[in-house]
Amino acid sequence: MSLTQSRSGTPSSAASDPRWTARLWAVLAVLCLVLFLDGLDVSMVGIALPSIGHDLGLATGSLQWIVNGYVLGYGGLMLLGGRTADLLGRRRVFLLALAVFAAASLLGGLVDDGTLLIATRFVKGVAAAFTAPAGLSILTTTFPEGPQRNRALSVFSLFGALGYSSGLILGGLLTGIGWRWTFLMPVPLALLALGVGLVLIPRDRRTETGGHDPAGAVTLTAGMLLAVYAVVTAPGKGWTSPATLGAFAAAVVLLLAFVLVERRVRHPLIRFGILRQATTVRANLSMIALMGSYISFQFMMTLFLQDGRGWSPLRMAFALLPVGLIVAVGSPLTGRLVDRFGTAPLIITSMTSSTLGYLWFLATAGSSPDYLSAMFPSLILLGGGFAFGYSAIMAQATEGIDDSEQGLASGLVQTSGQVGAALVLAVLTAVLAQAGGSGADFTAYRPGLNLVTGVAVAGLLLNLVPVLRLRRRH
């Protein structure tokens, strides 16, 4: 029996009975497990970066590609992933992408070459770009709109936050055994989800109308990859060297080609008219500020605490855990707060909290930051900023958008967060390379912290200025 509503309007088992069957719970468990693995991957591999660098002889500029390879594959192709799921069938796309995710995880734990490892990370990001929108579509079509869907979404979101929090601890434990286990551990979990999904996820029909936009996906992803490459390699080659200028020029050409493709293709990944709404633009820029600042901060602190301070991976994981715990506890509450106060006040509060966190660290770090007086208060503020900002920004991105473009709006803001994080991290890597950021003296990392703080301040001003202008008019 299908768990979703049929095309003929026959009510699903979920819609006809508010009590969930064991099969419904199992489908939700599969979707939650895959989202859990996505969150787990981000934090767990981040903890392992210094060990990977030592073992494979990778410098900071190469290590950032282990993060950015995944992020750019994920962000660059997410919109294509959502469209493909609609056209070819959500179940088919979800399960195929999950199989690729498992295979790439296995290969990542076995390779001995840095370039091959980065390639597996990119493939995993591409796979996640298809599992994420397909999985969310399966959830929204399996559980009817209203309390049941809201309940399912709350459980779904909680597992994403728990994945990130768990990844910090598991990353520390597994890296202590060997960094390869951070890649191998998700494999059996992914295979378990794949096996259960094959049996229980309901079949759906492929859509007969619509089309793909592979040219848009390729030009966007290639342009972003080349832009990140140009920024990361510029300190070594020279910002005005022919190689650097040529890479920047090629990136610009590819991104302009993406814009032209989107304006002319029949079924574009992004309909640019959606950006005429100010709140949508502000939400996308806010997501860049939130994701870009924190991902870069975590990358920098991972290197400093393990390479500079000589902390073990597990000790460093526990040091960063406050952020994950606050995200796990706070994220489920955000929906109620948005309903009560609206998105703008919550986003301003979030950006203020994040900005204060970075500013506190700047003011108290000195050359040898103390954990209790400098790091811990900053992490509490950053956790609060991320927990209450992410969901509020997602909600603002879809405010006032027609139902037919809700998927586009939510996919666009997630893409902005991933691609923005990649660009900020690339700039951070270049700044640290220029400043010679390394060792136990945090002074060498201060230019990177200045950059991260500046990104957060820009996100705060972006949201604060429109509110202040509105108050002056009244």
Protein backbone atom coordinates (compact mmCIF):
# COMPACT_ATOMS: atom_id res chain seq x y z
CA MET A 1 0.00 0.00 0.00
CA SER A 2 1.33 3.47 -0.87
CA LEU A 3 2.05 5.77 2.04
CA THR A 4 1.39 8.89 0.04
CA GLN A 5 -1.68 10.34 -1.53
CA SER A 6 -2.25 8.95 -4.97
CA ARG A 7 -2.72 11.05 -8.10
CA SER A 8 -6.37 10.17 -8.10
CA GLY A 9 -6.81 11.68 -4.67
CA THR A 10 -7.05 8.48 -2.67
CA PRO A 11 -6.07 9.35 0.88
CA SER A 12 -2.82 7.92 2.14
CA SER A 13 -2.51 5.81 5.25
CA ALA A 14 -0.92 8.79 6.98
CA ALA A 15 -3.73 11.11 5.99
CA SER A 16 -6.55 8.74 6.94
CA ASP A 17 -5.13 7.77 10.34
CA PRO A 18 -3.35 10.29 12.57
CA ARG A 19 -1.55 7.42 14.32
CA TRP A 20 1.64 6.51 12.52
CA THR A 21 2.17 2.92 11.56
CA ALA A 22 5.45 1.10 12.08
CA ARG A 23 6.10 1.46 8.36
CA LEU A 24 5.63 5.24 8.49
CA TRP A 25 8.05 5.45 11.39
CA ALA A 26 10.55 3.33 9.45
CA VAL A 27 10.36 5.61 6.39
CA LEU A 28 10.89 8.65 8.59
CA ALA A 29 13.80 6.87 10.29
CA VAL A 30 15.50 6.29 6.92
CA LEU A 31 15.13 9.95 5.94
CA CYS A 32 16.38 11.09 9.36
CA LEU A 33 19.36 8.73 9.22
CA VAL A 34 20.49 10.13 5.86
CA LEU A 35 20.16 13.72 7.11
CA PHE A 36 22.02 12.64 10.26
CA LEU A 37 24.87 11.36 8.05
CA ASP A 38 25.02 14.71 6.21
CA GLY A 39 25.40 16.60 9.51
CA LEU A 40 27.80 13.98 10.83
CA ASP A 41 30.06 14.28 7.79
CA VAL A 42 30.51 18.04 8.10
CA SER A 43 31.67 18.06 11.72
CA MET A 44 33.39 14.66 11.88
CA VAL A 45 35.69 15.22 8.92
CA GLY A 46 36.43 18.75 10.15
CA ILE A 47 37.89 17.32 13.36
CA ALA A 48 40.11 14.97 11.35
CA LEU A 49 41.66 17.62 9.07
CA PRO A 50 44.99 18.11 10.92
CA SER A 51 45.55 14.34 11.10
CA ILE A 52 44.76 14.01 7.39
CA GLY A 53 47.20 16.82 6.62
CA HIS A 54 50.01 15.19 8.59
CA ASP A 55 49.44 11.73 7.13
CA LEU A 56 49.05 12.75 3.49
CA GLY A 57 51.37 15.78 3.55
CA LEU A 58 48.66 18.33 2.76
CA ALA A 59 49.15 22.03 3.49
CA THR A 60 46.35 24.31 4.74
CA GLY A 61 45.47 25.35 1.18
CA SER A 62 44.93 21.72 0.23
CA LEU A 63 43.09 20.82 3.43
CA GLN A 64 40.43 23.42 2.78
CA TRP A 65 39.53 21.52 -0.41
CA ILE A 66 38.46 18.55 1.74
CA VAL A 67 35.80 20.87 3.14
CA ASN A 68 35.15 22.91 0.01
CA GLY A 69 35.07 19.92 -2.34
CA TYR A 70 32.06 18.62 -0.42
CA VAL A 71 30.47 22.04 0.05
CA LEU A 72 30.75 23.08 -3.60
CA GLY A 73 29.50 19.75 -4.91
CA TYR A 74 26.58 20.00 -2.51
CA GLY A 75 25.73 23.66 -3.05
CA GLY A 76 26.45 23.82 -6.76
CA LEU A 77 24.17 20.93 -7.70
CA MET A 78 21.42 21.06 -5.06
CA LEU A 79 18.95 22.86 -7.32
CA LEU A 80 19.60 20.35 -10.09
CA GLY A 81 19.13 17.57 -7.54
CA GLY A 82 15.69 18.84 -6.59
CA ARG A 83 14.64 19.17 -10.21
CA THR A 84 15.95 15.70 -11.05
CA ALA A 85 14.00 14.17 -8.16
CA ASP A 86 10.80 15.76 -9.48
CA LEU A 87 11.41 14.55 -13.03
CA LEU A 88 12.82 11.06 -12.54
CA GLY A 89 11.11 10.10 -9.28
CA ARG A 90 12.02 10.96 -5.71
CA ARG A 91 12.57 7.36 -4.58
CA ARG A 92 14.82 6.47 -7.51
CA VAL A 93 17.00 9.57 -7.16
CA PHE A 94 17.22 9.31 -3.36
CA LEU A 95 18.34 5.68 -3.32
CA LEU A 96 20.77 5.99 -6.23
CA ALA A 97 22.42 9.07 -4.68
CA LEU A 98 22.61 7.30 -1.31
CA ALA A 99 24.44 4.39 -2.93
CA VAL A 100 26.94 6.83 -4.48
CA PHE A 101 27.37 8.51 -1.07
CA ALA A 102 28.23 5.15 0.54
CA ALA A 103 30.68 4.23 -2.23
CA ALA A 104 32.45 7.61 -2.05
CA SER A 105 32.72 7.28 1.75
CA LEU A 106 34.34 3.87 1.37
CA LEU A 107 36.82 5.11 -1.24
CA GLY A 108 37.67 8.15 0.87
CA GLY A 109 38.71 5.89 3.73
CA LEU A 110 40.96 3.77 1.50
CA VAL A 111 42.85 6.23 -0.71
CA ASP A 112 46.41 7.34 0.02
CA ASP A 113 46.52 10.37 -2.26
CA GLY A 114 45.29 13.84 -1.30
CA THR A 115 43.90 14.59 -4.75
CA LEU A 116 41.88 11.38 -4.81
CA LEU A 117 40.59 12.10 -1.31
CA ILE A 118 39.39 15.54 -2.41
CA ALA A 119 37.74 13.95 -5.46
CA THR A 120 35.79 11.54 -3.23
CA ARG A 121 34.68 14.48 -1.10
CA PHE A 122 33.34 16.26 -4.17
CA VAL A 123 31.47 13.12 -5.24
CA LYS A 124 29.97 12.85 -1.73
CA GLY A 125 28.86 16.46 -1.97
CA VAL A 126 27.22 15.78 -5.33
CA ALA A 127 25.44 12.76 -3.85
CA ALA A 128 24.20 14.84 -0.90
CA ALA A 129 22.94 17.46 -3.38
CA PHE A 130 20.53 14.80 -4.66
CA THR A 131 19.64 13.00 -1.39
CA ALA A 132 18.78 16.22 0.50
CA PRO A 133 16.02 17.63 -1.75
CA ALA A 134 14.76 14.16 -2.70
CA GLY A 135 14.55 13.14 0.95
CA LEU A 136 12.67 16.29 1.92
CA SER A 137 10.25 15.76 -0.99
CA ILE A 138 9.63 12.18 0.13
CA LEU A 139 8.83 13.44 3.62
CA THR A 140 6.43 16.17 2.48
CA THR A 141 4.58 13.77 0.15
CA THR A 142 4.45 10.95 2.70
CA PHE A 143 3.10 13.00 5.60
CA PRO A 144 -0.01 15.16 4.92
CA GLU A 145 0.15 18.92 5.41
CA GLY A 146 -0.72 20.05 8.92
CA PRO A 147 0.21 18.69 12.36
CA GLN A 148 1.52 15.37 11.04
CA ARG A 149 3.90 16.98 8.56
CA ASN A 150 5.01 19.56 11.14
CA ARG A 151 5.71 16.77 13.59
CA ALA A 152 7.70 14.84 11.00
CA LEU A 153 9.67 17.95 10.01
CA SER A 154 10.52 18.65 13.66
CA VAL A 155 11.92 15.14 14.08
CA PHE A 156 13.72 15.45 10.73
CA SER A 157 15.36 18.78 11.64
CA LEU A 158 16.38 17.51 15.07
CA PHE A 159 18.33 14.63 13.51
CA GLY A 160 20.25 17.06 11.31
CA ALA A 161 21.33 18.99 14.41
CA LEU A 162 22.11 15.79 16.30
CA GLY A 163 24.25 14.62 13.39
CA TYR A 164 26.42 17.71 13.65
CA SER A 165 26.72 17.43 17.45
CA SER A 166 27.47 13.70 17.34
CA GLY A 167 30.04 14.24 14.61
CA LEU A 168 32.16 16.37 16.91
CA ILE A 169 32.51 13.60 19.48
CA LEU A 170 32.69 10.74 17.00
CA GLY A 171 35.22 12.68 14.97
CA GLY A 172 37.42 13.03 18.05
CA LEU A 173 37.09 9.39 19.03
CA LEU A 174 37.59 7.95 15.55
CA THR A 175 40.47 10.27 14.63
CA GLY A 176 42.23 9.05 17.76
CA ILE A 177 42.09 5.56 16.26
CA GLY A 178 42.83 6.73 12.72
CA TRP A 179 41.36 9.46 10.51
CA ARG A 180 40.24 6.93 7.91
CA TRP A 181 37.52 5.74 10.27
CA THR A 182 35.79 9.12 9.97
CA PHE A 183 35.18 8.19 6.32
CA LEU A 184 34.49 4.48 6.83
CA MET A 185 32.08 4.73 9.78
CA PRO A 186 29.16 6.21 7.75
CA VAL A 187 29.34 3.38 5.19
CA PRO A 188 27.38 0.69 7.11
CA LEU A 189 24.82 3.29 8.23
CA ALA A 190 24.30 4.44 4.64
CA LEU A 191 23.97 0.83 3.47
CA LEU A 192 21.42 0.17 6.23
CA ALA A 193 19.37 3.18 5.13
CA LEU A 194 19.66 2.04 1.51
CA GLY A 195 18.42 -1.47 2.29
CA VAL A 196 15.46 -0.32 4.38
CA GLY A 197 14.64 2.41 1.86
CA LEU A 198 14.54 -0.06 -1.01
CA VAL A 199 11.87 -2.04 0.83
CA LEU A 200 9.78 0.67 2.50
CA ILE A 201 9.99 3.98 0.61
CA PRO A 202 6.89 4.16 -1.59
CA ARG A 203 7.30 4.21 -5.33
CA ASP A 204 6.34 7.40 -7.13
CA ARG A 205 5.83 8.33 -10.76
CA ARG A 206 8.21 10.42 -12.75
CA THR A 207 6.86 13.76 -13.90
CA GLU A 208 6.05 13.99 -17.59
CA THR A 209 6.49 17.76 -17.85
CA GLY A 210 9.48 19.99 -17.21
CA GLY A 211 13.12 19.56 -18.05
CA HIS A 212 16.71 19.64 -16.82
CA ASP A 213 19.22 22.46 -16.88
CA PRO A 214 22.58 20.63 -16.92
CA ALA A 215 24.31 23.58 -18.62
CA GLY A 216 23.32 25.85 -15.74
CA ALA A 217 24.50 23.33 -13.13
CA VAL A 218 27.85 22.77 -14.87
CA THR A 219 28.65 26.46 -15.43
CA LEU A 220 27.70 27.40 -11.86
CA THR A 221 29.68 24.60 -10.21
CA ALA A 222 32.72 24.98 -12.49
CA GLY A 223 32.73 28.76 -12.04
CA MET A 224 32.64 28.48 -8.24
CA LEU A 225 35.34 25.78 -8.18
CA LEU A 226 37.60 27.92 -10.34
CA ALA A 227 36.95 31.03 -8.23
CA VAL A 228 37.87 29.16 -5.04
CA TYR A 229 40.98 27.72 -6.74
CA ALA A 230 42.08 31.19 -7.83
CA VAL A 231 41.68 32.64 -4.33
CA VAL A 232 43.45 29.76 -2.57
CA THR A 233 46.44 29.62 -4.94
CA ALA A 234 46.88 33.39 -5.28
CA PRO A 235 49.17 33.84 -2.22
CA GLY A 236 51.66 31.34 -3.64
CA LYS A 237 51.48 32.39 -7.29
CA GLY A 238 50.96 36.11 -6.71
CA TRP A 239 47.69 38.01 -6.94
CA THR A 240 48.74 39.67 -10.19
CA SER A 241 50.40 36.65 -11.80
CA PRO A 242 49.09 35.54 -15.21
CA ALA A 243 47.92 32.21 -13.73
CA THR A 244 45.89 33.91 -11.00
CA LEU A 245 44.39 36.55 -13.27
CA GLY A 246 43.59 33.89 -15.87
CA ALA A 247 41.82 31.72 -13.29
CA PHE A 248 39.76 34.67 -12.06
CA ALA A 249 38.88 35.64 -15.63
CA ALA A 250 37.82 32.09 -16.48
CA ALA A 251 35.67 31.95 -13.33
CA VAL A 252 33.96 35.21 -14.25
CA VAL A 253 33.30 33.96 -17.80
CA LEU A 254 31.75 30.74 -16.48
CA LEU A 255 29.54 32.59 -13.99
CA LEU A 256 28.41 35.04 -16.67
CA ALA A 257 27.67 32.05 -18.88
CA PHE A 258 25.54 30.66 -16.05
CA VAL A 259 23.51 33.89 -15.94
CA LEU A 260 23.02 33.81 -19.73
CA VAL A 261 21.99 30.15 -19.63
CA GLU A 262 19.44 30.82 -16.88
CA ARG A 263 17.91 33.67 -18.87
CA ARG A 264 17.52 31.62 -22.03
CA VAL A 265 16.96 28.01 -21.03
CA ARG A 266 13.37 26.80 -20.97
CA HIS A 267 13.57 25.26 -17.48
CA PRO A 268 16.22 27.25 -15.53
CA LEU A 269 17.63 26.19 -12.20
CA ILE A 270 17.03 29.72 -10.90
CA ARG A 271 14.32 32.09 -12.06
CA PHE A 272 16.02 35.42 -11.34
CA GLY A 273 12.69 37.15 -10.97
CA ILE A 274 12.42 35.56 -7.54
CA LEU A 275 15.26 37.85 -6.40
CA ARG A 276 13.13 40.97 -6.91
CA GLN A 277 11.74 40.43 -3.43
CA ALA A 278 13.97 42.18 -0.87
CA THR A 279 13.40 39.67 1.92
CA THR A 280 14.46 36.80 -0.33
CA VAL A 281 17.71 38.55 -1.26
CA ARG A 282 18.35 39.47 2.37
CA ALA A 283 17.76 35.88 3.49
CA ASN A 284 20.25 34.54 0.94
CA LEU A 285 22.92 37.06 1.95
CA SER A 286 22.24 36.37 5.63
CA MET A 287 22.78 32.65 5.05
CA ILE A 288 26.12 33.41 3.39
CA ALA A 289 27.15 35.48 6.43
CA LEU A 290 26.01 32.86 8.95
CA MET A 291 27.47 29.80 7.21
CA GLY A 292 30.55 31.52 5.82
CA SER A 293 31.66 32.95 9.17
CA TYR A 294 31.09 29.83 11.27
CA ILE A 295 32.48 27.20 8.86
CA SER A 296 35.63 29.32 8.47
CA PHE A 297 35.92 29.87 12.22
CA GLN A 298 35.66 26.14 12.93
CA PHE A 299 38.26 25.38 10.25
CA MET A 300 40.66 27.89 11.76
CA MET A 301 40.14 26.72 15.35
CA THR A 302 40.58 23.08 14.35
CA LEU A 303 44.02 23.83 12.94
CA PHE A 304 45.02 26.11 15.83
CA LEU A 305 43.97 23.79 18.65
CA GLN A 306 45.44 20.61 17.16
CA ASP A 307 48.49 21.89 15.32
CA GLY A 308 49.25 24.94 17.46
CA ARG A 309 48.20 23.82 20.93
CA GLY A 310 48.83 20.12 20.36
CA TRP A 311 45.37 19.14 21.59
CA SER A 312 44.16 15.64 20.83
CA PRO A 313 41.24 15.35 18.37
CA LEU A 314 38.92 14.21 21.18
CA ARG A 315 39.86 17.13 23.45
CA MET A 316 39.28 19.56 20.62
CA ALA A 317 35.95 17.93 19.80
CA PHE A 318 34.76 18.41 23.38
CA ALA A 319 35.98 22.01 23.25
CA LEU A 320 33.72 22.77 20.27
CA LEU A 321 30.81 20.69 21.54
CA PRO A 322 28.90 23.61 23.16
CA VAL A 323 27.98 24.88 19.70
CA GLY A 324 26.58 21.51 18.65
CA LEU A 325 24.60 21.05 21.86
CA ILE A 326 23.01 24.49 21.63
CA VAL A 327 22.10 23.87 17.98
CA ALA A 328 20.54 20.50 18.87
CA VAL A 329 18.51 21.96 21.76
CA GLY A 330 17.62 25.31 20.19
CA SER A 331 16.73 24.35 16.63
CA PRO A 332 13.41 22.62 17.47
CA LEU A 333 12.27 25.75 19.35
CA THR A 334 12.89 28.17 16.50
CA GLY A 335 9.59 27.48 14.72
CA ARG A 336 7.57 28.65 17.73
CA LEU A 337 9.71 31.77 18.08
CA VAL A 338 9.26 32.63 14.40
CA ASP A 339 5.48 32.23 14.77
CA ARG A 340 5.47 34.58 17.75
CA PHE A 341 8.01 37.25 16.80
CA GLY A 342 8.50 36.93 13.03
CA THR A 343 11.71 36.24 11.13
CA ALA A 344 13.35 39.69 11.14
CA PRO A 345 13.74 40.11 14.94
CA LEU A 346 14.98 36.54 15.30
CA ILE A 347 17.56 36.92 12.52
CA ILE A 348 18.81 40.20 14.01
CA THR A 349 19.13 38.50 17.40
CA SER A 350 20.98 35.62 15.78
CA MET A 351 23.40 37.86 13.89
CA THR A 352 23.98 39.96 17.02
CA SER A 353 24.81 36.84 19.02
CA SER A 354 27.24 35.58 16.36
CA THR A 355 28.91 38.98 16.00
CA LEU A 356 29.33 39.33 19.77
CA GLY A 357 30.85 35.85 19.86
CA TYR A 358 33.54 36.74 17.35
CA LEU A 359 34.14 40.16 18.91
CA TRP A 360 34.53 38.60 22.36
CA PHE A 361 37.13 36.21 21.00
CA LEU A 362 38.97 39.05 19.29
CA ALA A 363 39.01 41.06 22.52
CA THR A 364 40.09 38.25 24.84
CA ALA A 365 42.19 35.85 22.75
CA GLY A 366 45.53 37.64 22.85
CA SER A 367 48.42 35.45 21.75
CA SER A 368 47.31 32.42 23.79
CA PRO A 369 43.52 32.30 24.28
CA ASP A 370 42.24 30.70 27.46
CA TYR A 371 39.38 28.25 26.96
CA LEU A 372 37.11 29.25 29.84
CA SER A 373 37.47 33.02 29.51
CA ALA A 374 37.85 33.41 25.74
CA MET A 375 36.71 30.35 23.80
CA PHE A 376 33.78 29.06 25.87
CA PRO A 377 31.76 32.32 26.00
CA SER A 378 32.34 32.80 22.27
CA LEU A 379 31.14 29.28 21.48
CA ILE A 380 27.98 29.80 23.54
CA LEU A 381 27.18 32.97 21.60
CA LEU A 382 27.98 31.32 18.25
CA GLY A 383 25.82 28.31 19.08
CA GLY A 384 22.89 30.57 19.90
CA GLY A 385 23.39 32.55 16.72
CA PHE A 386 23.43 29.45 14.55
CA ALA A 387 20.60 27.61 16.32
CA PHE A 388 18.10 30.44 16.06
CA GLY A 389 19.34 32.00 12.84
CA TYR A 390 19.40 29.08 10.43
CA SER A 391 15.71 28.16 10.61
CA ALA A 392 14.60 31.80 10.76
CA ILE A 393 16.59 32.59 7.61
CA MET A 394 15.09 29.57 5.86
CA ALA A 395 11.61 30.80 6.82
CA GLN A 396 12.33 34.35 5.61
CA ALA A 397 13.63 33.03 2.28
CA THR A 398 10.21 31.53 1.52
CA GLU A 399 8.02 34.36 2.85
CA GLY A 400 5.68 35.77 0.21
CA ILE A 401 6.78 33.21 -2.39
CA ASP A 402 4.11 31.45 -4.43
CA ASP A 403 3.56 27.79 -3.55
CA SER A 404 4.80 26.77 -6.98
CA GLU A 405 8.25 28.25 -6.21
CA GLN A 406 8.64 27.28 -2.56
CA GLY A 407 11.06 24.52 -3.55
CA LEU A 408 13.12 26.94 -5.63
CA ALA A 409 13.28 29.50 -2.81
CA SER A 410 14.33 26.99 -0.15
CA GLY A 411 16.85 25.34 -2.47
CA LEU A 412 18.30 28.71 -3.45
CA VAL A 413 18.96 29.81 0.13
CA GLN A 414 20.61 26.47 0.96
CA THR A 415 22.76 26.81 -2.15
CA SER A 416 23.74 30.34 -1.10
CA GLY A 417 24.82 29.05 2.30
CA GLN A 418 27.00 26.28 0.88
CA VAL A 419 28.56 28.32 -1.92
CA GLY A 420 29.04 31.35 0.36
CA ALA A 421 30.75 29.18 2.96
CA ALA A 422 33.12 27.87 0.30
CA LEU A 423 34.08 31.37 -0.85
CA VAL A 424 34.62 32.73 2.67
CA LEU A 425 36.71 29.67 3.57
CA ALA A 426 38.79 30.14 0.41
CA VAL A 427 39.46 33.78 1.33
CA LEU A 428 40.31 32.75 4.91
CA THR A 429 42.83 30.21 3.61
CA ALA A 430 44.45 32.88 1.44
CA VAL A 431 44.55 35.35 4.35
CA LEU A 432 46.18 32.81 6.66
CA ALA A 433 48.70 31.85 3.99
CA GLN A 434 49.58 35.52 3.46
CA ALA A 435 49.92 36.12 7.21
CA GLY A 436 51.77 32.88 7.84
CA GLY A 437 49.06 31.70 10.23
CA SER A 438 50.34 28.63 12.08
CA GLY A 439 51.91 27.56 15.35
CA ALA A 440 50.93 28.11 18.98
CA ASP A 441 50.87 31.91 18.77
CA PHE A 442 47.29 32.95 17.95
CA THR A 443 48.50 36.34 16.75
CA ALA A 444 49.24 34.72 13.39
CA TYR A 445 45.57 33.69 13.12
CA ARG A 446 44.19 37.11 14.01
CA PRO A 447 43.84 38.28 10.36
CA GLY A 448 41.61 35.27 9.74
CA LEU A 449 39.52 36.08 12.81
CA ASN A 450 39.22 39.68 11.59
CA LEU A 451 37.82 38.37 8.30
CA VAL A 452 35.30 36.08 10.01
CA THR A 453 34.18 38.90 12.31
CA GLY A 454 33.79 41.26 9.35
CA VAL A 455 31.53 38.76 7.57
CA ALA A 456 29.35 38.45 10.68
CA VAL A 457 29.16 42.24 11.13
CA ALA A 458 28.10 42.60 7.49
CA GLY A 459 25.32 40.07 8.09
CA LEU A 460 24.13 42.01 11.14
CA LEU A 461 24.11 45.37 9.35
CA LEU A 462 22.32 43.83 6.37
CA ASN A 463 19.37 43.00 8.63
CA LEU A 464 19.58 45.90 11.07
CA VAL A 465 19.62 48.79 8.59
CA PRO A 466 16.20 48.06 6.98
CA VAL A 467 14.57 47.86 10.43
CA LEU A 468 16.11 51.16 11.53
CA ARG A 469 15.01 52.84 8.31
CA LEU A 470 11.46 51.58 8.80
CA ARG A 471 11.36 52.94 12.34
CA ARG A 472 12.57 56.35 11.21
CA ARG A 473 9.75 56.56 8.67
CA HIS A 474 7.25 56.00 11.44
